[in-house]
Amino acid sequence: MNKKVVRLRRARKTRAKIAELKAVRLTVFRSNSHIYAQVIDGCGSRVLAAASTVEADVRSQVANGGNKAAAQVVGKLIAERAKAAGIESVAFDRAGFQYHGRVKALAEAAREGGLKF
């Protein structure tokens, strides 16, 4: 198995539990050059809010989209957009990525922005 398959197997258990609870989830995906965050509704069919380092306003704030500073900017932005959509608490879906580095920076910035998870 390659790294991607192993990561997705790790993510499957968390996503199954979140789906069982019918909770709104904050899911994170990171690539080498960018980081993406989405708030997805309880049934998993609609994206309620999204933010990433690909967006023009975020790219103007950060020079590199693949570092902790960029993850913090995306975390604060997703928290603002989620609160604007009326969402206060979410379940954090790290998509099988380890909770450190950029994923942790995004989560902590979202908590500072007012999301509860």
N, C-alpha and C. Protein backbone atom coordinates (compact mmCIF):
# COMPACT_ATOMS: atom_id res chain seq x y z
N MET A 1 0.83 -1.19 0.00
CA MET A 1 0.00 0.00 0.00
C MET A 1 0.88 1.25 0.00
N ASN A 2 0.38 2.27 -0.66
CA ASN A 2 1.13 3.52 -0.67
C ASN A 2 0.62 4.45 0.43
N LYS A 3 1.26 5.59 0.59
CA LYS A 3 0.94 6.50 1.68
C LYS A 3 -0.49 7.02 1.61
N LYS A 4 -0.98 7.28 0.42
CA LYS A 4 -2.32 7.82 0.27
C LYS A 4 -3.37 6.81 0.71
N VAL A 5 -3.22 5.57 0.33
CA VAL A 5 -4.18 4.53 0.72
C VAL A 5 -4.19 4.34 2.23
N VAL A 6 -3.02 4.34 2.84
CA VAL A 6 -2.92 4.19 4.29
C VAL A 6 -3.59 5.36 5.00
N ARG A 7 -3.37 6.56 4.51
CA ARG A 7 -4.00 7.75 5.11
C ARG A 7 -5.51 7.69 5.00
N LEU A 8 -6.02 7.29 3.84
CA LEU A 8 -7.47 7.20 3.66
C LEU A 8 -8.09 6.10 4.52
N ARG A 9 -7.35 5.03 4.77
CA ARG A 9 -7.85 4.00 5.68
C ARG A 9 -7.96 4.55 7.10
N ARG A 10 -6.98 5.36 7.51
CA ARG A 10 -7.05 5.98 8.84
C ARG A 10 -8.23 6.93 8.92
N ALA A 11 -8.50 7.64 7.83
CA ALA A 11 -9.57 8.64 7.82
C ALA A 11 -10.96 7.99 7.86
N ARG A 12 -11.07 6.77 7.34
CA ARG A 12 -12.39 6.13 7.21
C ARG A 12 -13.07 5.94 8.56
N LYS A 13 -12.33 5.55 9.58
CA LYS A 13 -12.93 5.32 10.90
C LYS A 13 -13.48 6.61 11.50
N THR A 14 -12.71 7.68 11.39
CA THR A 14 -13.16 8.97 11.92
C THR A 14 -14.39 9.46 11.17
N ARG A 15 -14.39 9.35 9.86
CA ARG A 15 -15.53 9.81 9.07
C ARG A 15 -16.77 8.99 9.35
N ALA A 16 -16.61 7.70 9.61
CA ALA A 16 -17.75 6.85 9.93
C ALA A 16 -18.38 7.28 11.26
N LYS A 17 -17.56 7.59 12.24
CA LYS A 17 -18.07 8.02 13.54
C LYS A 17 -18.77 9.38 13.44
N ILE A 18 -18.18 10.30 12.68
CA ILE A 18 -18.79 11.62 12.50
C ILE A 18 -20.12 11.48 11.76
N ALA A 19 -20.18 10.61 10.76
CA ALA A 19 -21.42 10.40 10.00
C ALA A 19 -22.49 9.78 10.88
N GLU A 20 -22.08 8.89 11.78
CA GLU A 20 -23.02 8.27 12.71
C GLU A 20 -23.65 9.30 13.65
N LEU A 21 -22.85 10.29 14.05
CA LEU A 21 -23.33 11.34 14.94
C LEU A 21 -24.12 12.42 14.20
N LYS A 22 -24.09 12.41 12.86
CA LYS A 22 -24.73 13.43 12.03
C LYS A 22 -24.25 14.83 12.41
N ALA A 23 -22.95 14.94 12.67
CA ALA A 23 -22.36 16.22 13.08
C ALA A 23 -21.84 16.97 11.86
N VAL A 24 -21.88 18.29 11.94
CA VAL A 24 -21.24 19.13 10.93
C VAL A 24 -19.74 18.97 11.11
N ARG A 25 -19.00 18.77 10.02
CA ARG A 25 -17.58 18.51 10.17
C ARG A 25 -16.72 19.53 9.45
N LEU A 26 -15.59 19.81 10.06
CA LEU A 26 -14.56 20.65 9.47
C LEU A 26 -13.48 19.71 8.96
N THR A 27 -13.37 19.59 7.66
CA THR A 27 -12.40 18.67 7.08
C THR A 27 -11.24 19.45 6.48
N VAL A 28 -10.06 18.86 6.60
CA VAL A 28 -8.82 19.51 6.18
C VAL A 28 -8.11 18.62 5.17
N PHE A 29 -7.60 19.22 4.12
CA PHE A 29 -6.73 18.52 3.19
C PHE A 29 -5.50 19.37 2.99
N ARG A 30 -4.35 18.72 3.03
CA ARG A 30 -3.11 19.46 2.79
C ARG A 30 -2.32 18.78 1.68
N SER A 31 -1.78 19.60 0.82
CA SER A 31 -0.85 19.14 -0.20
C SER A 31 0.49 19.79 0.11
N ASN A 32 1.47 19.54 -0.70
CA ASN A 32 2.78 20.14 -0.44
C ASN A 32 2.74 21.65 -0.57
N SER A 33 1.92 22.17 -1.48
CA SER A 33 1.92 23.61 -1.71
C SER A 33 0.74 24.37 -1.16
N HIS A 34 -0.35 23.68 -0.77
CA HIS A 34 -1.55 24.38 -0.31
C HIS A 34 -2.22 23.62 0.82
N ILE A 35 -3.17 24.30 1.49
CA ILE A 35 -4.00 23.67 2.50
C ILE A 35 -5.44 24.13 2.27
N TYR A 36 -6.37 23.21 2.42
CA TYR A 36 -7.78 23.46 2.13
C TYR A 36 -8.61 23.08 3.35
N ALA A 37 -9.68 23.82 3.64
CA ALA A 37 -10.58 23.50 4.73
C ALA A 37 -12.02 23.69 4.24
N GLN A 38 -12.89 22.75 4.62
CA GLN A 38 -14.29 22.82 4.26
C GLN A 38 -15.15 22.47 5.46
N VAL A 39 -16.27 23.15 5.61
CA VAL A 39 -17.27 22.78 6.60
C VAL A 39 -18.40 22.11 5.83
N ILE A 40 -18.65 20.83 6.17
CA ILE A 40 -19.62 20.01 5.45
C ILE A 40 -20.77 19.67 6.38
N ASP A 41 -22.01 19.71 5.87
CA ASP A 41 -23.19 19.46 6.72
C ASP A 41 -23.23 18.02 7.21
N GLY A 42 -24.17 17.74 8.11
CA GLY A 42 -24.25 16.45 8.79
C GLY A 42 -24.46 15.26 7.89
N CYS A 43 -25.21 15.41 6.81
CA CYS A 43 -25.43 14.28 5.92
C CYS A 43 -24.30 14.13 4.90
N GLY A 44 -23.40 15.09 4.83
CA GLY A 44 -22.23 14.97 3.98
C GLY A 44 -22.45 15.34 2.53
N SER A 45 -23.58 16.00 2.23
CA SER A 45 -23.88 16.28 0.83
C SER A 45 -23.61 17.73 0.42
N ARG A 46 -23.49 18.65 1.40
CA ARG A 46 -23.33 20.06 1.03
C ARG A 46 -22.13 20.67 1.75
N VAL A 47 -21.40 21.50 1.02
CA VAL A 47 -20.32 22.28 1.62
C VAL A 47 -20.93 23.61 2.06
N LEU A 48 -20.82 23.88 3.36
CA LEU A 48 -21.43 25.09 3.92
C LEU A 48 -20.46 26.27 3.91
N ALA A 49 -19.17 26.00 4.03
CA ALA A 49 -18.15 27.05 4.00
C ALA A 49 -16.83 26.42 3.56
N ALA A 50 -16.01 27.20 2.89
CA ALA A 50 -14.73 26.69 2.42
C ALA A 50 -13.69 27.81 2.42
N ALA A 51 -12.44 27.42 2.60
CA ALA A 51 -11.32 28.37 2.53
C ALA A 51 -10.07 27.59 2.16
N SER A 52 -9.19 28.23 1.42
CA SER A 52 -7.94 27.58 1.05
C SER A 52 -6.89 28.62 0.68
N THR A 53 -5.67 28.16 0.54
CA THR A 53 -4.59 29.05 0.16
C THR A 53 -4.56 29.31 -1.34
N VAL A 54 -5.47 28.71 -2.08
CA VAL A 54 -5.55 28.93 -3.53
C VAL A 54 -6.27 30.25 -3.83
N GLU A 55 -7.10 30.72 -2.89
CA GLU A 55 -7.88 31.94 -3.10
C GLU A 55 -6.96 33.16 -3.20
N ALA A 56 -7.37 34.10 -4.01
CA ALA A 56 -6.54 35.28 -4.31
C ALA A 56 -6.30 36.13 -3.07
N ASP A 57 -7.32 36.33 -2.22
CA ASP A 57 -7.12 37.19 -1.04
C ASP A 57 -6.18 36.54 -0.02
N VAL A 58 -6.18 35.23 0.07
CA VAL A 58 -5.25 34.54 0.97
C VAL A 58 -3.85 34.57 0.39
N ARG A 59 -3.73 34.40 -0.91
CA ARG A 59 -2.41 34.40 -1.55
C ARG A 59 -1.73 35.76 -1.42
N SER A 60 -2.53 36.82 -1.33
CA SER A 60 -1.94 38.14 -1.15
C SER A 60 -1.39 38.32 0.27
N GLN A 61 -1.94 37.57 1.23
CA GLN A 61 -1.50 37.68 2.63
C GLN A 61 -0.26 36.84 2.92
N VAL A 62 -0.13 35.69 2.25
CA VAL A 62 0.98 34.79 2.54
C VAL A 62 1.80 34.55 1.26
N ALA A 63 3.09 34.43 1.44
CA ALA A 63 3.96 34.21 0.29
C ALA A 63 3.94 32.75 -0.14
N ASN A 64 3.88 31.84 0.83
CA ASN A 64 3.93 30.41 0.56
C ASN A 64 2.68 29.76 1.14
N GLY A 65 1.97 28.99 0.36
CA GLY A 65 0.74 28.36 0.83
C GLY A 65 0.96 27.08 1.60
N GLY A 66 2.19 26.60 1.67
CA GLY A 66 2.46 25.33 2.30
C GLY A 66 3.20 25.43 3.61
N ASN A 67 2.88 26.44 4.44
CA ASN A 67 3.54 26.55 5.74
C ASN A 67 2.52 26.84 6.84
N LYS A 68 2.99 26.90 8.09
CA LYS A 68 2.09 27.08 9.23
C LYS A 68 1.39 28.44 9.21
N ALA A 69 2.07 29.47 8.76
CA ALA A 69 1.47 30.81 8.71
C ALA A 69 0.26 30.81 7.77
N ALA A 70 0.39 30.14 6.65
CA ALA A 70 -0.73 30.05 5.71
C ALA A 70 -1.87 29.25 6.32
N ALA A 71 -1.55 28.19 7.05
CA ALA A 71 -2.58 27.38 7.70
C ALA A 71 -3.34 28.19 8.74
N GLN A 72 -2.65 29.06 9.46
CA GLN A 72 -3.32 29.90 10.45
C GLN A 72 -4.28 30.88 9.79
N VAL A 73 -3.87 31.45 8.67
CA VAL A 73 -4.75 32.37 7.93
C VAL A 73 -6.00 31.64 7.46
N VAL A 74 -5.84 30.43 6.93
CA VAL A 74 -6.98 29.65 6.46
C VAL A 74 -7.88 29.25 7.63
N GLY A 75 -7.29 28.93 8.78
CA GLY A 75 -8.08 28.57 9.96
C GLY A 75 -8.96 29.71 10.43
N LYS A 76 -8.40 30.90 10.47
CA LYS A 76 -9.20 32.06 10.88
C LYS A 76 -10.29 32.38 9.87
N LEU A 77 -9.96 32.23 8.59
CA LEU A 77 -10.93 32.51 7.53
C LEU A 77 -12.08 31.51 7.54
N ILE A 78 -11.80 30.22 7.75
CA ILE A 78 -12.87 29.23 7.78
C ILE A 78 -13.75 29.43 9.00
N ALA A 79 -13.18 29.88 10.11
CA ALA A 79 -13.98 30.15 11.30
C ALA A 79 -14.93 31.32 11.05
N GLU A 80 -14.45 32.37 10.40
CA GLU A 80 -15.30 33.51 10.08
C GLU A 80 -16.44 33.10 9.16
N ARG A 81 -16.12 32.33 8.12
CA ARG A 81 -17.14 31.93 7.16
C ARG A 81 -18.15 30.95 7.77
N ALA A 82 -17.70 30.10 8.64
CA ALA A 82 -18.61 29.16 9.30
C ALA A 82 -19.55 29.91 10.24
N LYS A 83 -19.03 30.86 10.98
CA LYS A 83 -19.88 31.64 11.88
C LYS A 83 -20.87 32.49 11.09
N ALA A 84 -20.46 32.98 9.93
CA ALA A 84 -21.38 33.73 9.07
C ALA A 84 -22.50 32.83 8.56
N ALA A 85 -22.21 31.54 8.40
CA ALA A 85 -23.23 30.58 7.94
C ALA A 85 -24.07 30.06 9.11
N GLY A 86 -23.77 30.53 10.34
CA GLY A 86 -24.55 30.14 11.50
C GLY A 86 -24.08 28.86 12.17
N ILE A 87 -22.84 28.50 11.99
CA ILE A 87 -22.30 27.27 12.57
C ILE A 87 -21.35 27.63 13.70
N GLU A 88 -21.63 27.09 14.89
CA GLU A 88 -20.80 27.36 16.06
C GLU A 88 -19.89 26.20 16.41
N SER A 89 -20.39 24.96 16.30
CA SER A 89 -19.57 23.81 16.69
C SER A 89 -19.49 22.81 15.54
N VAL A 90 -18.34 22.19 15.41
CA VAL A 90 -18.08 21.23 14.34
C VAL A 90 -17.31 20.05 14.91
N ALA A 91 -17.26 18.97 14.14
CA ALA A 91 -16.38 17.85 14.45
C ALA A 91 -15.17 17.99 13.53
N PHE A 92 -13.98 17.84 14.08
CA PHE A 92 -12.75 18.06 13.30
C PHE A 92 -12.37 16.77 12.60
N ASP A 93 -12.29 16.82 11.28
CA ASP A 93 -11.89 15.68 10.46
C ASP A 93 -10.54 16.00 9.85
N ARG A 94 -9.50 15.37 10.36
CA ARG A 94 -8.15 15.65 9.89
C ARG A 94 -7.78 14.81 8.68
N ALA A 95 -8.70 14.00 8.18
CA ALA A 95 -8.55 13.22 6.96
C ALA A 95 -7.36 12.28 6.98
N GLY A 96 -7.05 11.74 8.15
CA GLY A 96 -5.96 10.79 8.27
C GLY A 96 -4.59 11.42 8.42
N PHE A 97 -4.49 12.73 8.34
CA PHE A 97 -3.21 13.41 8.53
C PHE A 97 -2.91 13.47 10.02
N GLN A 98 -1.63 13.45 10.38
CA GLN A 98 -1.25 13.56 11.78
C GLN A 98 -1.62 14.94 12.30
N TYR A 99 -2.00 15.00 13.58
CA TYR A 99 -2.38 16.27 14.19
C TYR A 99 -1.12 16.98 14.68
N HIS A 100 -0.39 17.53 13.76
CA HIS A 100 0.76 18.36 14.10
C HIS A 100 1.08 19.23 12.90
N GLY A 101 1.93 20.21 13.09
CA GLY A 101 2.33 21.07 11.98
C GLY A 101 1.20 21.91 11.45
N ARG A 102 0.98 21.84 10.14
CA ARG A 102 -0.01 22.69 9.48
C ARG A 102 -1.44 22.35 9.89
N VAL A 103 -1.74 21.07 10.08
CA VAL A 103 -3.09 20.68 10.48
C VAL A 103 -3.41 21.22 11.87
N LYS A 104 -2.45 21.12 12.78
CA LYS A 104 -2.64 21.63 14.13
C LYS A 104 -2.76 23.16 14.13
N ALA A 105 -1.96 23.83 13.32
CA ALA A 105 -2.01 25.30 13.24
C ALA A 105 -3.38 25.76 12.73
N LEU A 106 -3.92 25.06 11.73
CA LEU A 106 -5.24 25.40 11.21
C LEU A 106 -6.31 25.19 12.27
N ALA A 107 -6.25 24.08 13.00
CA ALA A 107 -7.24 23.78 14.03
C ALA A 107 -7.20 24.81 15.15
N GLU A 108 -6.03 25.16 15.60
CA GLU A 108 -5.91 26.13 16.69
C GLU A 108 -6.39 27.52 16.26
N ALA A 109 -6.11 27.90 15.02
CA ALA A 109 -6.58 29.19 14.52
C ALA A 109 -8.10 29.20 14.39
N ALA A 110 -8.69 28.07 13.99
CA ALA A 110 -10.15 27.99 13.90
C ALA A 110 -10.78 28.08 15.29
N ARG A 111 -10.14 27.48 16.27
CA ARG A 111 -10.64 27.59 17.65
C ARG A 111 -10.57 29.03 18.14
N GLU A 112 -9.45 29.70 17.85
CA GLU A 112 -9.32 31.11 18.22
C GLU A 112 -10.35 31.97 17.53
N GLY A 113 -10.74 31.57 16.31
CA GLY A 113 -11.75 32.31 15.56
C GLY A 113 -13.16 32.10 16.07
N GLY A 114 -13.35 31.15 16.99
CA GLY A 114 -14.67 30.98 17.60
C GLY A 114 -15.36 29.66 17.34
N LEU A 115 -14.76 28.77 16.55
CA LEU A 115 -15.37 27.46 16.34
C LEU A 115 -15.09 26.56 17.54
N LYS A 116 -16.07 25.75 17.89
CA LYS A 116 -15.90 24.81 19.01
C LYS A 116 -15.82 23.40 18.46
N PHE A 117 -14.76 22.69 18.82
CA PHE A 117 -14.62 21.27 18.49
C PHE A 117 -13.60 20.63 19.40
